[in-house]
PDB file of N, CA and C in Angstrom:
ATOM      1  N   UNK A   1      -5.298 -14.014  15.189  1.00  0.00           N
ATOM      2  CA  UNK A   1      -5.982 -15.240  15.511  1.00  0.00           C
ATOM      3  C   UNK A   1      -7.452 -15.003  15.832  1.00  0.00           C
ATOM      4  N   UNK A   2      -7.728 -13.897  16.539  1.00  0.00           N
ATOM      5  CA  UNK A   2      -9.115 -13.628  16.902  1.00  0.00           C
ATOM      6  C   UNK A   2      -9.901 -12.946  15.792  1.00  0.00           C
ATOM      7  N   UNK A   3      -9.248 -12.647  14.707  1.00  0.00           N
ATOM      8  CA  UNK A   3      -9.943 -11.960  13.614  1.00  0.00           C
ATOM      9  C   UNK A   3      -9.796 -10.465  13.730  1.00  0.00           C
ATOM     10  N   UNK A   4     -10.429  -9.766  12.851  1.00  0.00           N
ATOM     11  CA  UNK A   4     -10.333  -8.316  12.830  1.00  0.00           C
ATOM     12  C   UNK A   4     -11.040  -7.789  11.604  1.00  0.00           C
ATOM     13  N   UNK A   5     -10.907  -6.527  11.393  1.00  0.00           N
ATOM     14  CA  UNK A   5     -11.549  -5.878  10.264  1.00  0.00           C
ATOM     15  C   UNK A   5     -10.486  -5.311   9.338  1.00  0.00           C
ATOM     16  N   UNK A   6     -10.599  -5.641   8.071  1.00  0.00           N
ATOM     17  CA  UNK A   6      -9.712  -5.076   7.057  1.00  0.00           C
ATOM     18  C   UNK A   6     -10.528  -4.080   6.250  1.00  0.00           C
ATOM     19  N   UNK A   7     -10.013  -2.875   6.142  1.00  0.00           N
ATOM     20  CA  UNK A   7     -10.675  -1.853   5.335  1.00  0.00           C
ATOM     21  C   UNK A   7      -9.956  -1.694   4.010  1.00  0.00           C
ATOM     22  N   UNK A   8     -10.714  -1.677   2.928  1.00  0.00           N
ATOM     23  CA  UNK A   8     -10.151  -1.473   1.596  1.00  0.00           C
ATOM     24  C   UNK A   8     -11.005  -0.446   0.881  1.00  0.00           C
ATOM     25  N   UNK A   9     -10.361   0.579   0.338  1.00  0.00           N
ATOM     26  CA  UNK A   9     -11.094   1.558  -0.455  1.00  0.00           C
ATOM     27  C   UNK A   9     -10.238   1.942  -1.652  1.00  0.00           C
ATOM     28  N   UNK A  10     -10.891   2.337  -2.716  1.00  0.00           N
ATOM     29  CA  UNK A  10     -10.190   2.745  -3.938  1.00  0.00           C
ATOM     30  C   UNK A  10     -10.908   3.935  -4.549  1.00  0.00           C
ATOM     31  N   UNK A  11     -10.128   4.784  -5.181  1.00  0.00           N
ATOM     32  CA  UNK A  11     -10.692   5.951  -5.854  1.00  0.00           C
ATOM     33  C   UNK A  11      -9.822   6.286  -7.051  1.00  0.00           C
ATOM     34  N   UNK A  12     -10.438   6.898  -8.041  1.00  0.00           N
ATOM     35  CA  UNK A  12      -9.714   7.386  -9.215  1.00  0.00           C
ATOM     36  C   UNK A  12      -9.581   8.895  -9.072  1.00  0.00           C
ATOM     37  N   UNK A  13      -8.344   9.366  -9.210  1.00  0.00           N
ATOM     38  CA  UNK A  13      -8.042  10.800  -9.170  1.00  0.00           C
ATOM     39  C   UNK A  13      -7.352  11.137 -10.481  1.00  0.00           C
ATOM     40  N   UNK A  14      -8.125  11.626 -11.446  1.00  0.00           N
ATOM     41  CA  UNK A  14      -7.551  11.927 -12.753  1.00  0.00           C
ATOM     42  C   UNK A  14      -7.041  10.663 -13.411  1.00  0.00           C
ATOM     43  N   UNK A  15      -5.751  10.627 -13.707  1.00  0.00           N
ATOM     44  CA  UNK A  15      -5.184   9.457 -14.382  1.00  0.00           C
ATOM     45  C   UNK A  15      -4.612   8.425 -13.409  1.00  0.00           C
ATOM     46  N   UNK A  16      -4.845   8.611 -12.113  1.00  0.00           N
ATOM     47  CA  UNK A  16      -4.288   7.703 -11.113  1.00  0.00           C
ATOM     48  C   UNK A  16      -5.366   6.990 -10.304  1.00  0.00           C
ATOM     49  N   UNK A  17      -5.037   5.774  -9.875  1.00  0.00           N
ATOM     50  CA  UNK A  17      -5.858   5.000  -8.947  1.00  0.00           C
ATOM     51  C   UNK A  17      -5.169   5.059  -7.601  1.00  0.00           C
ATOM     52  N   UNK A  18      -5.947   5.266  -6.548  1.00  0.00           N
ATOM     53  CA  UNK A  18      -5.397   5.272  -5.198  1.00  0.00           C
ATOM     54  C   UNK A  18      -6.141   4.231  -4.384  1.00  0.00           C
ATOM     55  N   UNK A  19      -5.399   3.308  -3.792  1.00  0.00           N
ATOM     56  CA  UNK A  19      -5.978   2.244  -2.980  1.00  0.00           C
ATOM     57  C   UNK A  19      -5.469   2.381  -1.552  1.00  0.00           C
ATOM     58  N   UNK A  20      -6.396   2.329  -0.596  1.00  0.00           N
ATOM     59  CA  UNK A  20      -6.066   2.348   0.834  1.00  0.00           C
ATOM     60  C   UNK A  20      -6.454   1.003   1.427  1.00  0.00           C
ATOM     61  N   UNK A  21      -5.538   0.421   2.198  1.00  0.00           N
ATOM     62  CA  UNK A  21      -5.811  -0.824   2.912  1.00  0.00           C
ATOM     63  C   UNK A  21      -5.407  -0.601   4.357  1.00  0.00           C
ATOM     64  N   UNK A  22      -6.282  -0.986   5.293  1.00  0.00           N
ATOM     65  CA  UNK A  22      -5.908  -0.854   6.693  1.00  0.00           C
ATOM     66  C   UNK A  22      -6.493  -2.008   7.506  1.00  0.00           C
ATOM     67  N   UNK A  23      -5.802  -2.308   8.603  1.00  0.00           N
ATOM     68  CA  UNK A  23      -6.249  -3.337   9.530  1.00  0.00           C
ATOM     69  C   UNK A  23      -5.705  -3.021  10.915  1.00  0.00           C
ATOM     70  N   UNK A  24      -6.309  -3.595  11.960  1.00  0.00           N
ATOM     71  CA  UNK A  24      -5.865  -3.284  13.319  1.00  0.00           C
ATOM     72  C   UNK A  24      -4.454  -3.786  13.603  1.00  0.00           C
ATOM     73  N   UNK A  25      -3.768  -3.062  14.476  1.00  0.00           N
ATOM     74  CA  UNK A  25      -2.447  -3.464  14.944  1.00  0.00           C
ATOM     75  C   UNK A  25      -2.633  -4.506  16.041  1.00  0.00           C
ATOM     76  N   UNK A  26      -1.806  -5.543  16.025  1.00  0.00           N
ATOM     77  CA  UNK A  26      -1.792  -6.528  17.105  1.00  0.00           C
ATOM     78  C   UNK A  26      -1.134  -5.868  18.308  1.00  0.00           C
ATOM     79  N   UNK A  27      -1.906  -5.625  19.359  1.00  0.00           N
ATOM     80  CA  UNK A  27      -1.401  -4.907  20.527  1.00  0.00           C
ATOM     81  C   UNK A  27      -0.252  -5.648  21.214  1.00  0.00           C
ATOM     82  N   UNK A  28      -0.159  -6.969  21.042  1.00  0.00           N
ATOM     83  CA  UNK A  28       0.895  -7.751  21.680  1.00  0.00           C
ATOM     84  C   UNK A  28       2.163  -7.863  20.836  1.00  0.00           C
ATOM     85  N   UNK A  29       2.111  -7.446  19.593  1.00  0.00           N
ATOM     86  CA  UNK A  29       3.259  -7.572  18.695  1.00  0.00           C
ATOM     87  C   UNK A  29       4.254  -6.440  18.915  1.00  0.00           C
ATOM     88  N   UNK A  30       5.529  -6.747  18.653  1.00  0.00           N
ATOM     89  CA  UNK A  30       6.552  -5.707  18.719  1.00  0.00           C
ATOM     90  C   UNK A  30       6.387  -4.762  17.544  1.00  0.00           C
ATOM     91  N   UNK A  31       6.706  -3.481  17.705  1.00  0.00           N
ATOM     92  CA  UNK A  31       6.612  -2.537  16.584  1.00  0.00           C
ATOM     93  C   UNK A  31       7.499  -2.982  15.427  1.00  0.00           C
ATOM     94  N   UNK A  32       7.015  -2.874  14.192  1.00  0.00           N
ATOM     95  CA  UNK A  32       7.824  -3.300  13.041  1.00  0.00           C
ATOM     96  C   UNK A  32       9.013  -2.377  12.826  1.00  0.00           C
ATOM     97  N   UNK A  33      10.074  -2.942  12.277  1.00  0.00           N
ATOM     98  CA  UNK A  33      11.270  -2.180  11.908  1.00  0.00           C
ATOM     99  C   UNK A  33      11.237  -1.984  10.399  1.00  0.00           C
ATOM    100  N   UNK A  34      10.604  -0.947   9.931  1.00  0.00           N
ATOM    101  CA  UNK A  34      10.486  -0.707   8.488  1.00  0.00           C
ATOM    102  C   UNK A  34       9.405  -1.586   7.879  1.00  0.00           C
ATOM    103  N   UNK A  35       9.476  -1.774   6.581  1.00  0.00           N
ATOM    104  CA  UNK A  35       8.496  -2.583   5.866  1.00  0.00           C
ATOM    105  C   UNK A  35       8.844  -4.062   5.991  1.00  0.00           C
ATOM    106  N   UNK A  36       7.836  -4.904   6.132  1.00  0.00           N
ATOM    107  CA  UNK A  36       8.059  -6.341   6.114  1.00  0.00           C
ATOM    108  C   UNK A  36       8.310  -6.813   4.695  1.00  0.00           C
ATOM    109  N   UNK A  37       8.626  -8.076   4.546  1.00  0.00           N
ATOM    110  CA  UNK A  37       8.951  -8.635   3.240  1.00  0.00           C
ATOM    111  C   UNK A  37       7.820  -8.424   2.231  1.00  0.00           C
ATOM    112  N   UNK A  38       6.588  -8.715   2.610  1.00  0.00           N
ATOM    113  CA  UNK A  38       5.464  -8.581   1.685  1.00  0.00           C
ATOM    114  C   UNK A  38       5.262  -7.149   1.214  1.00  0.00           C
ATOM    115  N   UNK A  39       5.364  -6.186   2.133  1.00  0.00           N
ATOM    116  CA  UNK A  39       5.188  -4.779   1.752  1.00  0.00           C
ATOM    117  C   UNK A  39       6.338  -4.299   0.878  1.00  0.00           C
ATOM    118  N   UNK A  40       7.559  -4.749   1.164  1.00  0.00           N
ATOM    119  CA  UNK A  40       8.705  -4.385   0.305  1.00  0.00           C
ATOM    120  C   UNK A  40       8.500  -4.921  -1.104  1.00  0.00           C
ATOM    121  N   UNK A  41       7.979  -6.145  -1.212  1.00  0.00           N
ATOM    122  CA  UNK A  41       7.755  -6.720  -2.534  1.00  0.00           C
ATOM    123  C   UNK A  41       6.671  -5.970  -3.300  1.00  0.00           C
ATOM    124  N   UNK A  42       5.611  -5.560  -2.618  1.00  0.00           N
ATOM    125  CA  UNK A  42       4.568  -4.771  -3.279  1.00  0.00           C
ATOM    126  C   UNK A  42       5.171  -3.475  -3.809  1.00  0.00           C
ATOM    127  N   UNK A  43       5.950  -2.797  -2.979  1.00  0.00           N
ATOM    128  CA  UNK A  43       6.577  -1.539  -3.393  1.00  0.00           C
ATOM    129  C   UNK A  43       7.497  -1.755  -4.594  1.00  0.00           C
ATOM    130  N   UNK A  44       8.311  -2.807  -4.563  1.00  0.00           N
ATOM    131  CA  UNK A  44       9.227  -3.103  -5.671  1.00  0.00           C
ATOM    132  C   UNK A  44       8.472  -3.421  -6.957  1.00  0.00           C
ATOM    133  N   UNK A  45       7.388  -4.163  -6.855  1.00  0.00           N
ATOM    134  CA  UNK A  45       6.608  -4.502  -8.051  1.00  0.00           C
ATOM    135  C   UNK A  45       5.963  -3.270  -8.663  1.00  0.00           C
ATOM    136  N   UNK A  46       5.427  -2.384  -7.816  1.00  0.00           N
ATOM    137  CA  UNK A  46       4.848  -1.144  -8.335  1.00  0.00           C
ATOM    138  C   UNK A  46       5.912  -0.308  -9.036  1.00  0.00           C
ATOM    139  N   UNK A  47       7.067  -0.166  -8.404  1.00  0.00           N
ATOM    140  CA  UNK A  47       8.139   0.631  -9.005  1.00  0.00           C
ATOM    141  C   UNK A  47       8.667  -0.024 -10.274  1.00  0.00           C
ATOM    142  N   UNK A  48       8.744  -1.355 -10.298  1.00  0.00           N
ATOM    143  CA  UNK A  48       9.198  -2.050 -11.499  1.00  0.00           C
ATOM    144  C   UNK A  48       8.250  -1.868 -12.662  1.00  0.00           C
ATOM    145  N   UNK A  49       6.966  -1.802 -12.364  1.00  0.00           N
ATOM    146  CA  UNK A  49       5.963  -1.680 -13.430  1.00  0.00           C
ATOM    147  C   UNK A  49       5.735  -0.237 -13.852  1.00  0.00           C
ATOM    148  N   UNK A  50       5.690   0.697 -12.883  1.00  0.00           N
ATOM    149  CA  UNK A  50       5.309   2.083 -13.175  1.00  0.00           C
ATOM    150  C   UNK A  50       6.425   3.104 -12.966  1.00  0.00           C
ATOM    151  N   UNK A  51       7.583   2.674 -12.482  1.00  0.00           N
ATOM    152  CA  UNK A  51       8.689   3.604 -12.261  1.00  0.00           C
ATOM    153  C   UNK A  51       8.327   4.715 -11.295  1.00  0.00           C
ATOM    154  N   UNK A  52       8.655   5.923 -11.657  1.00  0.00           N
ATOM    155  CA  UNK A  52       8.415   7.074 -10.781  1.00  0.00           C
ATOM    156  C   UNK A  52       6.948   7.510 -10.772  1.00  0.00           C
ATOM    157  N   UNK A  53       6.102   6.842 -11.540  1.00  0.00           N
ATOM    158  CA  UNK A  53       4.681   7.217 -11.596  1.00  0.00           C
ATOM    159  C   UNK A  53       3.850   6.481 -10.548  1.00  0.00           C
ATOM    160  N   UNK A  54       4.505   5.954  -9.520  1.00  0.00           N
ATOM    161  CA  UNK A  54       3.793   5.264  -8.458  1.00  0.00           C
ATOM    162  C   UNK A  54       4.181   5.823  -7.102  1.00  0.00           C
ATOM    163  N   UNK A  55       3.306   5.616  -6.122  1.00  0.00           N
ATOM    164  CA  UNK A  55       3.562   6.026  -4.746  1.00  0.00           C
ATOM    165  C   UNK A  55       3.114   4.882  -3.857  1.00  0.00           C
ATOM    166  N   UNK A  56       3.917   4.560  -2.842  1.00  0.00           N
ATOM    167  CA  UNK A  56       3.556   3.536  -1.886  1.00  0.00           C
ATOM    168  C   UNK A  56       3.989   4.002  -0.513  1.00  0.00           C
ATOM    169  N   UNK A  57       3.099   3.872   0.477  1.00  0.00           N
ATOM    170  CA  UNK A  57       3.442   4.229   1.845  1.00  0.00           C
ATOM    171  C   UNK A  57       2.730   3.268   2.777  1.00  0.00           C
ATOM    172  N   UNK A  58       3.410   2.871   3.825  1.00  0.00           N
ATOM    173  CA  UNK A  58       2.802   2.022   4.852  1.00  0.00           C
ATOM    174  C   UNK A  58       3.254   2.545   6.202  1.00  0.00           C
ATOM    175  N   UNK A  59       2.306   2.628   7.139  1.00  0.00           N
ATOM    176  CA  UNK A  59       2.637   3.148   8.468  1.00  0.00           C
ATOM    177  C   UNK A  59       1.595   2.665   9.465  1.00  0.00           C
ATOM    178  N   UNK A  60       1.884   2.896  10.728  1.00  0.00           N
ATOM    179  CA  UNK A  60       0.908   2.632  11.784  1.00  0.00           C
ATOM    180  C   UNK A  60       0.391   3.974  12.253  1.00  0.00           C
ATOM    181  N   UNK A  61      -0.932   4.090  12.272  1.00  0.00           N
ATOM    182  CA  UNK A  61      -1.561   5.342  12.684  1.00  0.00           C
ATOM    183  C   UNK A  61      -2.831   5.017  13.454  1.00  0.00           C
ATOM    184  N   UNK A  62      -2.941   5.600  14.646  1.00  0.00           N
ATOM    185  CA  UNK A  62      -4.129   5.439  15.485  1.00  0.00           C
ATOM    186  C   UNK A  62      -4.515   3.959  15.675  1.00  0.00           C
ATOM    187  N   UNK A  63      -3.505   3.126  15.953  1.00  0.00           N
ATOM    188  CA  UNK A  63      -3.768   1.722  16.242  1.00  0.00           C
ATOM    189  C   UNK A  63      -4.094   0.853  15.039  1.00  0.00           C
ATOM    190  N   UNK A  64      -3.798   1.354  13.842  1.00  0.00           N
ATOM    191  CA  UNK A  64      -4.083   0.590  12.623  1.00  0.00           C
ATOM    192  C   UNK A  64      -2.879   0.633  11.684  1.00  0.00           C
ATOM    193  N   UNK A  65      -2.644  -0.483  10.998  1.00  0.00           N
ATOM    194  CA  UNK A  65      -1.675  -0.510   9.901  1.00  0.00           C
ATOM    195  C   UNK A  65      -2.377   0.109   8.699  1.00  0.00           C
ATOM    196  N   UNK A  66      -1.714   1.014   8.020  1.00  0.00           N
ATOM    197  CA  UNK A  66      -2.288   1.628   6.821  1.00  0.00           C
ATOM    198  C   UNK A  66      -1.297   1.526   5.665  1.00  0.00           C
ATOM    199  N   UNK A  67      -1.812   1.182   4.505  1.00  0.00           N
ATOM    200  CA  UNK A  67      -0.999   1.168   3.288  1.00  0.00           C
ATOM    201  C   UNK A  67      -1.744   1.943   2.216  1.00  0.00           C
ATOM    202  N   UNK A  68      -1.011   2.766   1.477  1.00  0.00           N
ATOM    203  CA  UNK A  68      -1.575   3.549   0.377  1.00  0.00           C
ATOM    204  C   UNK A  68      -0.763   3.237  -0.870  1.00  0.00           C
ATOM    205  N   UNK A  69      -1.461   2.850  -1.937  1.00  0.00           N
ATOM    206  CA  UNK A  69      -0.834   2.554  -3.220  1.00  0.00           C
ATOM    207  C   UNK A  69      -1.454   3.479  -4.252  1.00  0.00           C
ATOM    208  N   UNK A  70      -0.624   4.166  -5.020  1.00  0.00           N
ATOM    209  CA  UNK A  70      -1.105   5.036  -6.083  1.00  0.00           C
ATOM    210  C   UNK A  70      -0.339   4.689  -7.354  1.00  0.00           C
ATOM    211  N   UNK A  71      -1.062   4.529  -8.455  1.00  0.00           N
ATOM    212  CA  UNK A  71      -0.435   4.154  -9.716  1.00  0.00           C
ATOM    213  C   UNK A  71      -1.330   4.587 -10.866  1.00  0.00           C
ATOM    214  N   UNK A  72      -0.775   4.694 -12.081  1.00  0.00           N
ATOM    215  CA  UNK A  72      -1.584   5.102 -13.229  1.00  0.00           C
ATOM    216  C   UNK A  72      -2.707   4.088 -13.485  1.00  0.00           C
ATOM    217  N   UNK A  73      -3.875   4.588 -13.842  1.00  0.00           N
ATOM    218  CA  UNK A  73      -4.988   3.667 -14.102  1.00  0.00           C
ATOM    219  C   UNK A  73      -4.884   3.004 -15.461  1.00  0.00           C
ATOM    220  N   UNK A  74      -4.109   3.575 -16.357  1.00  0.00           N
ATOM    221  CA  UNK A  74      -3.859   2.974 -17.666  1.00  0.00           C
ATOM    222  C   UNK A  74      -2.376   2.730 -17.800  1.00  0.00           C
ATOM    223  N   UNK A  75      -2.007   1.508 -18.115  1.00  0.00           N
ATOM    224  CA  UNK A  75      -0.597   1.161 -18.268  1.00  0.00           C
ATOM    225  C   UNK A  75      -0.219   1.221 -19.736  1.00  0.00           C
ATOM    226  N   UNK A  76       0.920   1.852 -20.017  1.00  0.00           N
ATOM    227  CA  UNK A  76       1.440   1.920 -21.384  1.00  0.00           C
ATOM    228  C   UNK A  76       2.807   1.250 -21.392  1.00  0.00           C
ATOM    229  N   UNK A  77       2.984   0.266 -22.257  1.00  0.00           N
ATOM    230  CA  UNK A  77       4.225  -0.508 -22.322  1.00  0.00           C
ATOM    231  C   UNK A  77       5.455   0.363 -22.562  1.00  0.00           C
ATOM    232  N   UNK A  78       5.327   1.435 -23.302  1.00  0.00           N
ATOM    233  CA  UNK A  78       6.499   2.235 -23.662  1.00  0.00           C
ATOM    234  C   UNK A  78       6.727   3.414 -22.745  1.00  0.00           C
ATOM    235  N   UNK A  79       6.062   3.470 -21.607  1.00  0.00           N
ATOM    236  CA  UNK A  79       6.291   4.601 -20.712  1.00  0.00           C
ATOM    237  C   UNK A  79       7.631   4.441 -20.000  1.00  0.00           C
ATOM    238  N   UNK A  80       8.243   5.560 -19.593  1.00  0.00           N
ATOM    239  CA  UNK A  80       9.574   5.505 -18.951  1.00  0.00           C
ATOM    240  C   UNK A  80       9.520   4.853 -17.585  1.00  0.00           C
TER     241      UNK A  80
END
């Protein structure tokens, strides 16, 4: 409600794109139990599109929510 800062960064590492997103943790909120619905859907969509060629992680670290998404920078329809 009071606002905050969202950090977004992206980099290309060879044939992969890596995106980092982070924002402050609400100090009054209860700790999450695993991934929320939105994060689960992001993970499922990445896996549905790229299979084992993707990586997704979300965690709380040093008072911030952090999410890391890694996927191929070029998509090929016939890839496994």
